[in-house]
Amino acid sequence: MKWIQQLILQNSECIIVLSRYSRQSILNVYGSSFDAKVRSEERRVGKE
């Protein structure tokens, strides 16, 4: 499961997260190499 999701992260041009917790989960489990791809929708979701 970890390998499959890591492949998705590697091949995705953009990684969308809905909270700071989700972003931190990526860093904790898969490392910081994907952080540049991460786009947070936390403010938009919270406002809506």
All heavy atoms as atom14 arrays in JSON, in Angstrom:
{
  "sequence": "MKWIQQLILQNSECIIVLSRYSRQSILNVYGSSFDAKVRSEERRVGKE",
  "atom14_mask": [
    [1, 1, 1, 1, 1, 1, 1, 1, 0, 0, 0, 0, 0, 0],
    [1, 1, 1, 1, 1, 1, 1, 1, 1, 0, 0, 0, 0, 0],
    [1, 1, 1, 1, 1, 1, 1, 1, 1, 1, 1, 1, 1, 1],
    [1, 1, 1, 1, 1, 1, 1, 1, 0, 0, 0, 0, 0, 0],
    [1, 1, 1, 1, 1, 1, 1, 1, 1, 0, 0, 0, 0, 0],
    [1, 1, 1, 1, 1, 1, 1, 1, 1, 0, 0, 0, 0, 0],
    [1, 1, 1, 1, 1, 1, 1, 1, 0, 0, 0, 0, 0, 0],
    [1, 1, 1, 1, 1, 1, 1, 1, 0, 0, 0, 0, 0, 0],
    [1, 1, 1, 1, 1, 1, 1, 1, 0, 0, 0, 0, 0, 0],
    [1, 1, 1, 1, 1, 1, 1, 1, 1, 0, 0, 0, 0, 0],
    [1, 1, 1, 1, 1, 1, 1, 1, 0, 0, 0, 0, 0, 0],
    [1, 1, 1, 1, 1, 1, 0, 0, 0, 0, 0, 0, 0, 0],
    [1, 1, 1, 1, 1, 1, 1, 1, 1, 0, 0, 0, 0, 0],
    [1, 1, 1, 1, 1, 1, 0, 0, 0, 0, 0, 0, 0, 0],
    [1, 1, 1, 1, 1, 1, 1, 1, 0, 0, 0, 0, 0, 0],
    [1, 1, 1, 1, 1, 1, 1, 1, 0, 0, 0, 0, 0, 0],
    [1, 1, 1, 1, 1, 1, 1, 0, 0, 0, 0, 0, 0, 0],
    [1, 1, 1, 1, 1, 1, 1, 1, 0, 0, 0, 0, 0, 0],
    [1, 1, 1, 1, 1, 1, 0, 0, 0, 0, 0, 0, 0, 0],
    [1, 1, 1, 1, 1, 1, 1, 1, 1, 1, 1, 0, 0, 0],
    [1, 1, 1, 1, 1, 1, 1, 1, 1, 1, 1, 1, 0, 0],
    [1, 1, 1, 1, 1, 1, 0, 0, 0, 0, 0, 0, 0, 0],
    [1, 1, 1, 1, 1, 1, 1, 1, 1, 1, 1, 0, 0, 0],
    [1, 1, 1, 1, 1, 1, 1, 1, 1, 0, 0, 0, 0, 0],
    [1, 1, 1, 1, 1, 1, 0, 0, 0, 0, 0, 0, 0, 0],
    [1, 1, 1, 1, 1, 1, 1, 1, 0, 0, 0, 0, 0, 0],
    [1, 1, 1, 1, 1, 1, 1, 1, 0, 0, 0, 0, 0, 0],
    [1, 1, 1, 1, 1, 1, 1, 1, 0, 0, 0, 0, 0, 0],
    [1, 1, 1, 1, 1, 1, 1, 0, 0, 0, 0, 0, 0, 0],
    [1, 1, 1, 1, 1, 1, 1, 1, 1, 1, 1, 1, 0, 0],
    [1, 1, 1, 1, 0, 0, 0, 0, 0, 0, 0, 0, 0, 0],
    [1, 1, 1, 1, 1, 1, 0, 0, 0, 0, 0, 0, 0, 0],
    [1, 1, 1, 1, 1, 1, 0, 0, 0, 0, 0, 0, 0, 0],
    [1, 1, 1, 1, 1, 1, 1, 1, 1, 1, 1, 0, 0, 0],
    [1, 1, 1, 1, 1, 1, 1, 1, 0, 0, 0, 0, 0, 0],
    [1, 1, 1, 1, 1, 0, 0, 0, 0, 0, 0, 0, 0, 0],
    [1, 1, 1, 1, 1, 1, 1, 1, 1, 0, 0, 0, 0, 0],
    [1, 1, 1, 1, 1, 1, 1, 0, 0, 0, 0, 0, 0, 0],
    [1, 1, 1, 1, 1, 1, 1, 1, 1, 1, 1, 0, 0, 0],
    [1, 1, 1, 1, 1, 1, 0, 0, 0, 0, 0, 0, 0, 0],
    [1, 1, 1, 1, 1, 1, 1, 1, 1, 0, 0, 0, 0, 0],
    [1, 1, 1, 1, 1, 1, 1, 1, 1, 0, 0, 0, 0, 0],
    [1, 1, 1, 1, 1, 1, 1, 1, 1, 1, 1, 0, 0, 0],
    [1, 1, 1, 1, 1, 1, 1, 1, 1, 1, 1, 0, 0, 0],
    [1, 1, 1, 1, 1, 1, 1, 0, 0, 0, 0, 0, 0, 0],
    [1, 1, 1, 1, 0, 0, 0, 0, 0, 0, 0, 0, 0, 0],
    [1, 1, 1, 1, 1, 1, 1, 1, 1, 0, 0, 0, 0, 0],
    [1, 1, 1, 1, 1, 1, 1, 1, 1, 0, 0, 0, 0, 0]
  ],
  "atom14_positions": [
    [[0.83, -1.21, 0.0], [0.0, 0.0, 0.0], [0.86, 1.26, 0.0], [0.58, 2.22, -0.72], [-0.92, 0.0, 1.23], [-2.02, -1.02, 1.18], [-2.94, -1.07, 2.74], [-4.28, -2.17, 2.29], [0.0, 0.0, 0.0], [0.0, 0.0, 0.0], [0.0, 0.0, 0.0], [0.0, 0.0, 0.0], [0.0, 0.0, 0.0], [0.0, 0.0, 0.0]],
    [[1.91, 1.23, 0.8], [2.81, 2.39, 0.87], [3.49, 2.62, -0.48], [3.58, 3.76, -0.96], [3.86, 2.17, 1.96], [4.76, 3.38, 2.18], [5.69, 3.16, 3.36], [6.56, 4.4, 3.59], [7.46, 4.23, 4.75], [0.0, 0.0, 0.0], [0.0, 0.0, 0.0], [0.0, 0.0, 0.0], [0.0, 0.0, 0.0], [0.0, 0.0, 0.0]],
    [[3.9, 1.55, -1.13], [4.57, 1.65, -2.43], [3.62, 2.2, -3.49], [3.99, 3.07, -4.29], [5.09, 0.28, -2.84], [5.71, 0.25, -4.2], [6.92, 0.77, -4.58], [5.14, -0.33, -5.38], [7.15, 0.55, -5.91], [6.07, -0.13, -6.43], [3.96, -1.01, -5.64], [5.82, -0.57, -7.73], [3.71, -1.46, -6.93], [4.64, -1.24, -7.96]],
    [[2.37, 1.72, -3.49], [1.39, 2.18, -4.48], [1.11, 3.67, -4.32], [1.14, 4.44, -5.29], [0.07, 1.38, -4.37], [0.28, -0.05, -4.89], [-1.04, 2.06, -5.17], [-0.93, -0.96, -4.69], [0.0, 0.0, 0.0], [0.0, 0.0, 0.0], [0.0, 0.0, 0.0], [0.0, 0.0, 0.0], [0.0, 0.0, 0.0], [0.0, 0.0, 0.0]],
    [[0.86, 4.11, -3.07], [0.57, 5.53, -2.88], [1.79, 6.39, -3.17], [1.66, 7.5, -3.69], [0.05, 5.79, -1.47], [-0.54, 7.2, -1.33], [-1.44, 7.34, -0.13], [-1.14, 6.83, 0.95], [-2.54, 8.06, -0.29], [0.0, 0.0, 0.0], [0.0, 0.0, 0.0], [0.0, 0.0, 0.0], [0.0, 0.0, 0.0], [0.0, 0.0, 0.0]],
    [[2.97, 5.89, -2.89], [4.18, 6.64, -3.19], [4.35, 6.81, -4.7], [4.77, 7.88, -5.18], [5.4, 5.93, -2.61], [6.69, 6.74, -2.75], [7.78, 6.23, -1.83], [7.51, 5.53, -0.86], [9.01, 6.6, -2.12], [0.0, 0.0, 0.0], [0.0, 0.0, 0.0], [0.0, 0.0, 0.0], [0.0, 0.0, 0.0], [0.0, 0.0, 0.0]],
    [[4.0, 5.77, -5.47], [4.03, 5.88, -6.93], [3.09, 6.97, -7.43], [3.43, 7.72, -8.35], [3.63, 4.54, -7.56], [4.71, 3.49, -7.78], [4.1, 2.27, -8.45], [5.87, 4.03, -8.6], [0.0, 0.0, 0.0], [0.0, 0.0, 0.0], [0.0, 0.0, 0.0], [0.0, 0.0, 0.0], [0.0, 0.0, 0.0], [0.0, 0.0, 0.0]],
    [[1.91, 7.04, -6.83], [0.95, 8.08, -7.22], [1.51, 9.47, -6.92], [1.42, 10.38, -7.75], [-0.4, 7.88, -6.5], [-1.0, 6.52, -6.83], [-1.39, 8.98, -6.89], [-2.18, 6.15, -5.97], [0.0, 0.0, 0.0], [0.0, 0.0, 0.0], [0.0, 0.0, 0.0], [0.0, 0.0, 0.0], [0.0, 0.0, 0.0], [0.0, 0.0, 0.0]],
    [[2.09, 9.62, -5.74], [2.68, 10.9, -5.37], [3.8, 11.29, -6.34], [3.93, 12.45, -6.74], [3.21, 10.84, -3.94], [2.16, 10.63, -2.83], [2.86, 10.4, -1.49], [1.22, 11.81, -2.74], [0.0, 0.0, 0.0], [0.0, 0.0, 0.0], [0.0, 0.0, 0.0], [0.0, 0.0, 0.0], [0.0, 0.0, 0.0], [0.0, 0.0, 0.0]],
    [[4.61, 10.32, -6.73], [5.73, 10.58, -7.64], [5.25, 11.0, -9.02], [5.86, 11.87, -9.66], [6.61, 9.33, -7.74], [7.43, 9.04, -6.51], [8.14, 7.69, -6.59], [7.85, 6.86, -7.44], [9.07, 7.47, -5.67], [0.0, 0.0, 0.0], [0.0, 0.0, 0.0], [0.0, 0.0, 0.0], [0.0, 0.0, 0.0], [0.0, 0.0, 0.0]],
    [[4.18, 10.38, -9.5], [3.72, 10.62, -10.87], [2.68, 11.72, -11.0], [2.3, 12.07, -12.12], [3.16, 9.31, -11.45], [4.25, 8.32, -11.8], [4.92, 8.43, -12.82], [4.46, 7.34, -10.92], [0.0, 0.0, 0.0], [0.0, 0.0, 0.0], [0.0, 0.0, 0.0], [0.0, 0.0, 0.0], [0.0, 0.0, 0.0], [0.0, 0.0, 0.0]],
    [[2.23, 12.25, -9.89], [1.24, 13.33, -9.94], [1.93, 14.68, -10.09], [2.93, 14.95, -9.42], [0.38, 13.33, -8.66], [-0.39, 12.16, -8.58], [0.0, 0.0, 0.0], [0.0, 0.0, 0.0], [0.0, 0.0, 0.0], [0.0, 0.0, 0.0], [0.0, 0.0, 0.0], [0.0, 0.0, 0.0], [0.0, 0.0, 0.0], [0.0, 0.0, 0.0]],
    [[1.39, 15.51, -10.95], [1.95, 16.84, -11.13], [1.61, 17.74, -9.95], [2.3, 18.72, -9.67], [1.43, 17.46, -12.43], [1.92, 16.71, -13.67], [1.6, 17.45, -14.95], [1.12, 18.6, -14.88], [1.84, 16.88, -16.03], [0.0, 0.0, 0.0], [0.0, 0.0, 0.0], [0.0, 0.0, 0.0], [0.0, 0.0, 0.0], [0.0, 0.0, 0.0]],
    [[0.5, 17.42, -9.28], [0.07, 18.23, -8.15], [-0.56, 17.3, -7.1], [-1.25, 16.35, -7.45], [-0.95, 19.27, -8.62], [-1.72, 20.24, -7.3], [0.0, 0.0, 0.0], [0.0, 0.0, 0.0], [0.0, 0.0, 0.0], [0.0, 0.0, 0.0], [0.0, 0.0, 0.0], [0.0, 0.0, 0.0], [0.0, 0.0, 0.0], [0.0, 0.0, 0.0]],
    [[-0.31, 17.58, -5.83], [-0.9, 16.81, -4.74], [-1.75, 17.78, -3.92], [-1.25, 18.77, -3.39], [0.19, 16.19, -3.84], [1.11, 15.28, -4.66], [-0.44, 15.41, -2.69], [2.41, 14.94, -3.96], [0.0, 0.0, 0.0], [0.0, 0.0, 0.0], [0.0, 0.0, 0.0], [0.0, 0.0, 0.0], [0.0, 0.0, 0.0], [0.0, 0.0, 0.0]],
    [[-3.03, 17.49, -3.83], [-3.97, 18.36, -3.14], [-4.24, 17.81, -1.75], [-4.55, 16.63, -1.59], [-5.29, 18.49, -3.92], [-5.03, 19.03, -5.33], [-6.28, 19.4, -3.18], [-6.18, 18.85, -6.29], [0.0, 0.0, 0.0], [0.0, 0.0, 0.0], [0.0, 0.0, 0.0], [0.0, 0.0, 0.0], [0.0, 0.0, 0.0], [0.0, 0.0, 0.0]],
    [[-4.15, 18.66, -0.74], [-4.49, 18.27, 0.63], [-5.58, 19.21, 1.14], [-5.69, 20.35, 0.71], [-3.28, 18.3, 1.58], [-2.23, 17.3, 1.15], [-2.66, 19.7, 1.65], [0.0, 0.0, 0.0], [0.0, 0.0, 0.0], [0.0, 0.0, 0.0], [0.0, 0.0, 0.0], [0.0, 0.0, 0.0], [0.0, 0.0, 0.0], [0.0, 0.0, 0.0]],
    [[-6.4, 18.7, 2.07], [-7.52, 19.47, 2.58], [-7.26, 20.03, 3.97], [-8.1, 20.73, 4.53], [-8.79, 18.6, 2.6], [-9.17, 17.95, 1.28], [-10.44, 17.13, 1.43], [-9.35, 18.99, 0.17], [0.0, 0.0, 0.0], [0.0, 0.0, 0.0], [0.0, 0.0, 0.0], [0.0, 0.0, 0.0], [0.0, 0.0, 0.0], [0.0, 0.0, 0.0]],
    [[-6.08, 19.72, 4.54], [-5.76, 20.2, 5.88], [-4.26, 20.16, 6.11], [-3.52, 19.48, 5.4], [-6.45, 19.34, 6.95], [-5.91, 18.03, 6.95], [0.0, 0.0, 0.0], [0.0, 0.0, 0.0], [0.0, 0.0, 0.0], [0.0, 0.0, 0.0], [0.0, 0.0, 0.0], [0.0, 0.0, 0.0], [0.0, 0.0, 0.0], [0.0, 0.0, 0.0]],
    [[-3.82, 20.88, 7.13], [-2.41, 20.85, 7.51], [-2.02, 19.46, 8.02], [-0.88, 19.03, 7.84], [-2.14, 21.9, 8.6], [-1.99, 23.32, 8.06], [-1.9, 24.34, 9.16], [-3.2, 24.54, 9.79], [-3.44, 25.42, 10.77], [-2.45, 26.15, 11.24], [-4.65, 25.54, 11.29], [0.0, 0.0, 0.0], [0.0, 0.0, 0.0], [0.0, 0.0, 0.0]],
    [[-2.97, 18.78, 8.64], [-2.7, 17.42, 9.12], [-2.36, 16.49, 7.96], [-1.43, 15.69, 8.05], [-3.92, 16.89, 9.89], [-3.78, 15.45, 10.32], [-3.04, 15.13, 11.46], [-4.36, 14.43, 9.6], [-2.88, 13.81, 11.85], [-4.21, 13.1, 9.98], [-3.47, 12.8, 11.11], [-3.32, 11.5, 11.49], [0.0, 0.0, 0.0], [0.0, 0.0, 0.0]],
    [[-3.12, 16.6, 6.87], [-2.85, 15.75, 5.7], [-1.48, 16.06, 5.11], [-0.74, 15.16, 4.73], [-3.93, 15.96, 4.63], [-5.18, 15.5, 5.09], [0.0, 0.0, 0.0], [0.0, 0.0, 0.0], [0.0, 0.0, 0.0], [0.0, 0.0, 0.0], [0.0, 0.0, 0.0], [0.0, 0.0, 0.0], [0.0, 0.0, 0.0], [0.0, 0.0, 0.0]],
    [[-1.15, 17.33, 5.06], [0.17, 17.71, 4.53], [1.28, 17.14, 5.4], [2.27, 16.6, 4.89], [0.29, 19.24, 4.47], [1.57, 19.72, 3.84], [1.57, 21.22, 3.63], [2.54, 21.6, 2.62], [2.42, 22.65, 1.82], [1.34, 23.41, 1.9], [3.35, 22.93, 0.94], [0.0, 0.0, 0.0], [0.0, 0.0, 0.0], [0.0, 0.0, 0.0]],
    [[1.11, 17.22, 6.72], [2.12, 16.7, 7.63], [2.2, 15.18, 7.53], [3.28, 14.6, 7.68], [1.79, 17.12, 9.06], [2.9, 16.85, 10.06], [4.19, 17.57, 9.7], [4.18, 18.77, 9.39], [5.32, 16.86, 9.73], [0.0, 0.0, 0.0], [0.0, 0.0, 0.0], [0.0, 0.0, 0.0], [0.0, 0.0, 0.0], [0.0, 0.0, 0.0]],
    [[1.07, 14.52, 7.25], [1.05, 13.07, 7.09], [1.92, 12.64, 5.91], [2.64, 11.63, 5.99], [-0.38, 12.56, 6.89], [-1.15, 12.75, 8.05], [0.0, 0.0, 0.0], [0.0, 0.0, 0.0], [0.0, 0.0, 0.0], [0.0, 0.0, 0.0], [0.0, 0.0, 0.0], [0.0, 0.0, 0.0], [0.0, 0.0, 0.0], [0.0, 0.0, 0.0]],
    [[1.87, 13.41, 4.83], [2.72, 13.1, 3.68], [4.19, 13.2, 4.07], [5.0, 12.31, 3.75], [2.43, 14.06, 2.5], [1.01, 13.83, 1.98], [3.43, 13.86, 1.37], [0.6, 14.81, 0.89], [0.0, 0.0, 0.0], [0.0, 0.0, 0.0], [0.0, 0.0, 0.0], [0.0, 0.0, 0.0], [0.0, 0.0, 0.0], [0.0, 0.0, 0.0]],
    [[4.53, 14.25, 4.79], [5.92, 14.45, 5.2], [6.38, 13.33, 6.15], [7.49, 12.82, 6.04], [6.08, 15.81, 5.89], [5.74, 17.04, 5.04], [5.91, 18.31, 5.87], [6.6, 17.1, 3.8], [0.0, 0.0, 0.0], [0.0, 0.0, 0.0], [0.0, 0.0, 0.0], [0.0, 0.0, 0.0], [0.0, 0.0, 0.0], [0.0, 0.0, 0.0]],
    [[5.5, 12.95, 7.07], [5.86, 11.94, 8.07], [6.04, 10.56, 7.46], [6.95, 9.81, 7.84], [4.79, 11.87, 9.16], [4.75, 13.12, 10.02], [5.69, 13.91, 10.03], [3.65, 13.31, 10.74], [0.0, 0.0, 0.0], [0.0, 0.0, 0.0], [0.0, 0.0, 0.0], [0.0, 0.0, 0.0], [0.0, 0.0, 0.0], [0.0, 0.0, 0.0]],
    [[5.16, 10.21, 6.51], [5.17, 8.85, 5.96], [6.04, 8.73, 4.73], [6.75, 7.74, 4.54], [3.72, 8.39, 5.64], [3.72, 6.99, 5.03], [2.86, 8.42, 6.89], [0.0, 0.0, 0.0], [0.0, 0.0, 0.0], [0.0, 0.0, 0.0], [0.0, 0.0, 0.0], [0.0, 0.0, 0.0], [0.0, 0.0, 0.0], [0.0, 0.0, 0.0]],
    [[6.02, 9.76, 3.87], [6.69, 9.64, 2.57], [7.88, 10.58, 2.4], [8.56, 10.54, 1.38], [5.67, 9.9, 1.45], [4.57, 8.88, 1.43], [3.3, 9.19, 1.91], [4.8, 7.59, 0.96], [2.28, 8.24, 1.9], [3.79, 6.63, 0.95], [2.53, 6.97, 1.43], [1.54, 6.02, 1.44], [0.0, 0.0, 0.0], [0.0, 0.0, 0.0]],
    [[8.13, 11.43, 3.38], [9.3, 12.3, 3.3], [8.99, 13.66, 2.7], [7.89, 13.92, 2.19], [0.0, 0.0, 0.0], [0.0, 0.0, 0.0], [0.0, 0.0, 0.0], [0.0, 0.0, 0.0], [0.0, 0.0, 0.0], [0.0, 0.0, 0.0], [0.0, 0.0, 0.0], [0.0, 0.0, 0.0], [0.0, 0.0, 0.0], [0.0, 0.0, 0.0]],
    [[9.98, 14.53, 2.72], [9.8, 15.93, 2.32], [9.94, 16.15, 0.82], [9.71, 17.26, 0.33], [10.81, 16.81, 3.05], [12.14, 16.4, 2.74], [0.0, 0.0, 0.0], [0.0, 0.0, 0.0], [0.0, 0.0, 0.0], [0.0, 0.0, 0.0], [0.0, 0.0, 0.0], [0.0, 0.0, 0.0], [0.0, 0.0, 0.0], [0.0, 0.0, 0.0]],
    [[10.3, 15.12, 0.05], [10.57, 15.32, -1.37], [9.31, 15.71, -2.16], [9.42, 16.25, -3.26], [11.17, 14.04, -1.98], [10.28, 12.95, -1.83], [0.0, 0.0, 0.0], [0.0, 0.0, 0.0], [0.0, 0.0, 0.0], [0.0, 0.0, 0.0], [0.0, 0.0, 0.0], [0.0, 0.0, 0.0], [0.0, 0.0, 0.0], [0.0, 0.0, 0.0]],
    [[8.12, 15.44, -1.59], [6.88, 15.76, -2.31], [6.29, 17.11, -1.91], [5.29, 17.54, -2.46], [5.83, 14.66, -2.05], [6.26, 13.3, -2.49], [6.48, 12.29, -1.56], [6.47, 13.01, -3.83], [6.89, 11.03, -1.95], [6.89, 11.75, -4.24], [7.09, 10.76, -3.3], [0.0, 0.0, 0.0], [0.0, 0.0, 0.0], [0.0, 0.0, 0.0]],
    [[6.91, 17.78, -0.95], [6.31, 19.0, -0.4], [6.11, 20.1, -1.45], [5.15, 20.86, -1.38], [7.15, 19.53, 0.75], [6.4, 20.53, 1.6], [5.23, 20.26, 1.93], [6.96, 21.6, 1.91], [0.0, 0.0, 0.0], [0.0, 0.0, 0.0], [0.0, 0.0, 0.0], [0.0, 0.0, 0.0], [0.0, 0.0, 0.0], [0.0, 0.0, 0.0]],
    [[7.01, 20.17, -2.43], [6.9, 21.21, -3.45], [5.67, 21.03, -4.33], [5.18, 22.0, -4.93], [8.16, 21.22, -4.32], [0.0, 0.0, 0.0], [0.0, 0.0, 0.0], [0.0, 0.0, 0.0], [0.0, 0.0, 0.0], [0.0, 0.0, 0.0], [0.0, 0.0, 0.0], [0.0, 0.0, 0.0], [0.0, 0.0, 0.0], [0.0, 0.0, 0.0]],
    [[5.16, 19.8, -4.4], [3.98, 19.53, -5.23], [2.67, 19.79, -4.5], [1.61, 19.84, -5.13], [3.96, 18.06, -5.67], [5.05, 17.63, -6.61], [4.8, 16.17, -6.99], [5.83, 15.63, -7.95], [5.51, 14.23, -8.33], [0.0, 0.0, 0.0], [0.0, 0.0, 0.0], [0.0, 0.0, 0.0], [0.0, 0.0, 0.0], [0.0, 0.0, 0.0]],
    [[2.74, 19.91, -3.17], [1.52, 19.97, -2.37], [0.83, 21.32, -2.49], [1.46, 22.37, -2.39], [1.83, 19.66, -0.89], [0.59, 19.86, -0.02], [2.36, 18.24, -0.74], [0.0, 0.0, 0.0], [0.0, 0.0, 0.0], [0.0, 0.0, 0.0], [0.0, 0.0, 0.0], [0.0, 0.0, 0.0], [0.0, 0.0, 0.0], [0.0, 0.0, 0.0]],
    [[-0.48, 21.26, -2.7], [-1.33, 22.45, -2.75], [-2.44, 22.27, -1.72], [-3.17, 21.3, -1.77], [-1.93, 22.65, -4.14], [-0.9, 22.83, -5.24], [-0.15, 24.14, -5.12], [0.84, 24.29, -6.18], [2.11, 23.91, -6.06], [2.54, 23.35, -4.94], [2.96, 24.09, -7.06], [0.0, 0.0, 0.0], [0.0, 0.0, 0.0], [0.0, 0.0, 0.0]],
    [[-2.56, 23.22, -0.8], [-3.54, 23.08, 0.26], [-4.85, 23.78, -0.09], [-4.85, 24.91, -0.59], [-2.99, 23.67, 1.57], [-3.97, 23.61, 2.58], [0.0, 0.0, 0.0], [0.0, 0.0, 0.0], [0.0, 0.0, 0.0], [0.0, 0.0, 0.0], [0.0, 0.0, 0.0], [0.0, 0.0, 0.0], [0.0, 0.0, 0.0], [0.0, 0.0, 0.0]],
    [[-5.95, 23.08, 0.14], [-7.29, 23.65, -0.04], [-7.94, 23.91, 1.31], [-9.15, 24.1, 1.39], [-8.15, 22.67, -0.85], [-7.72, 22.52, -2.3], [-7.94, 23.79, -3.09], [-9.06, 24.31, -3.07], [-6.98, 24.28, -3.72], [0.0, 0.0, 0.0], [0.0, 0.0, 0.0], [0.0, 0.0, 0.0], [0.0, 0.0, 0.0], [0.0, 0.0, 0.0]],
    [[-7.14, 23.96, 2.36], [-7.69, 24.09, 3.72], [-8.52, 25.35, 3.88], [-9.64, 25.32, 4.41], [-6.55, 24.08, 4.74], [-7.05, 24.21, 6.17], [-5.89, 24.25, 7.16], [-4.74, 24.41, 6.71], [-6.17, 24.12, 8.35], [0.0, 0.0, 0.0], [0.0, 0.0, 0.0], [0.0, 0.0, 0.0], [0.0, 0.0, 0.0], [0.0, 0.0, 0.0]],
    [[-8.0, 26.5, 3.44], [-8.74, 27.75, 3.63], [-10.05, 27.75, 2.86], [-11.09, 28.18, 3.35], [-7.87, 28.94, 3.19], [-6.69, 29.2, 4.11], [-5.95, 30.44, 3.69], [-4.82, 30.71, 4.57], [-3.99, 31.74, 4.43], [-4.17, 32.6, 3.42], [-3.01, 31.92, 5.26], [0.0, 0.0, 0.0], [0.0, 0.0, 0.0], [0.0, 0.0, 0.0]],
    [[-9.99, 27.26, 1.62], [-11.18, 27.25, 0.79], [-12.25, 26.32, 1.36], [-13.43, 26.67, 1.43], [-10.84, 26.82, -0.64], [-12.02, 26.88, -1.59], [-11.6, 26.46, -2.98], [-10.54, 27.31, -3.5], [-9.94, 27.12, -4.69], [-10.31, 26.11, -5.44], [-9.0, 27.93, -5.1], [0.0, 0.0, 0.0], [0.0, 0.0, 0.0], [0.0, 0.0, 0.0]],
    [[-11.82, 25.12, 1.8], [-12.76, 24.17, 2.38], [-13.36, 24.72, 3.66], [-14.56, 24.65, 3.9], [-12.08, 22.81, 2.63], [-13.0, 21.89, 3.44], [-11.71, 22.15, 1.31], [0.0, 0.0, 0.0], [0.0, 0.0, 0.0], [0.0, 0.0, 0.0], [0.0, 0.0, 0.0], [0.0, 0.0, 0.0], [0.0, 0.0, 0.0], [0.0, 0.0, 0.0]],
    [[-12.5, 25.29, 4.51], [-12.98, 25.84, 5.77], [-13.97, 26.98, 5.56], [-15.01, 27.05, 6.22], [0.0, 0.0, 0.0], [0.0, 0.0, 0.0], [0.0, 0.0, 0.0], [0.0, 0.0, 0.0], [0.0, 0.0, 0.0], [0.0, 0.0, 0.0], [0.0, 0.0, 0.0], [0.0, 0.0, 0.0], [0.0, 0.0, 0.0], [0.0, 0.0, 0.0]],
    [[-13.67, 27.85, 4.62], [-14.56, 28.97, 4.32], [-15.9, 28.48, 3.82], [-16.96, 28.98, 4.22], [-13.91, 29.89, 3.29], [-14.73, 31.13, 2.96], [-14.0, 32.01, 1.96], [-14.82, 33.25, 1.62], [-14.12, 34.1, 0.63], [0.0, 0.0, 0.0], [0.0, 0.0, 0.0], [0.0, 0.0, 0.0], [0.0, 0.0, 0.0], [0.0, 0.0, 0.0]],
    [[-15.88, 27.47, 2.94], [-17.13, 26.94, 2.39], [-17.95, 26.25, 3.47], [-19.18, 26.39, 3.51], [-16.84, 25.96, 1.25], [-18.11, 25.42, 0.63], [-17.84, 24.77, -0.71], [-17.07, 25.33, -1.49], [-18.43, 23.71, -0.96], [0.0, 0.0, 0.0], [0.0, 0.0, 0.0], [0.0, 0.0, 0.0], [0.0, 0.0, 0.0], [0.0, 0.0, 0.0]]
  ]
}
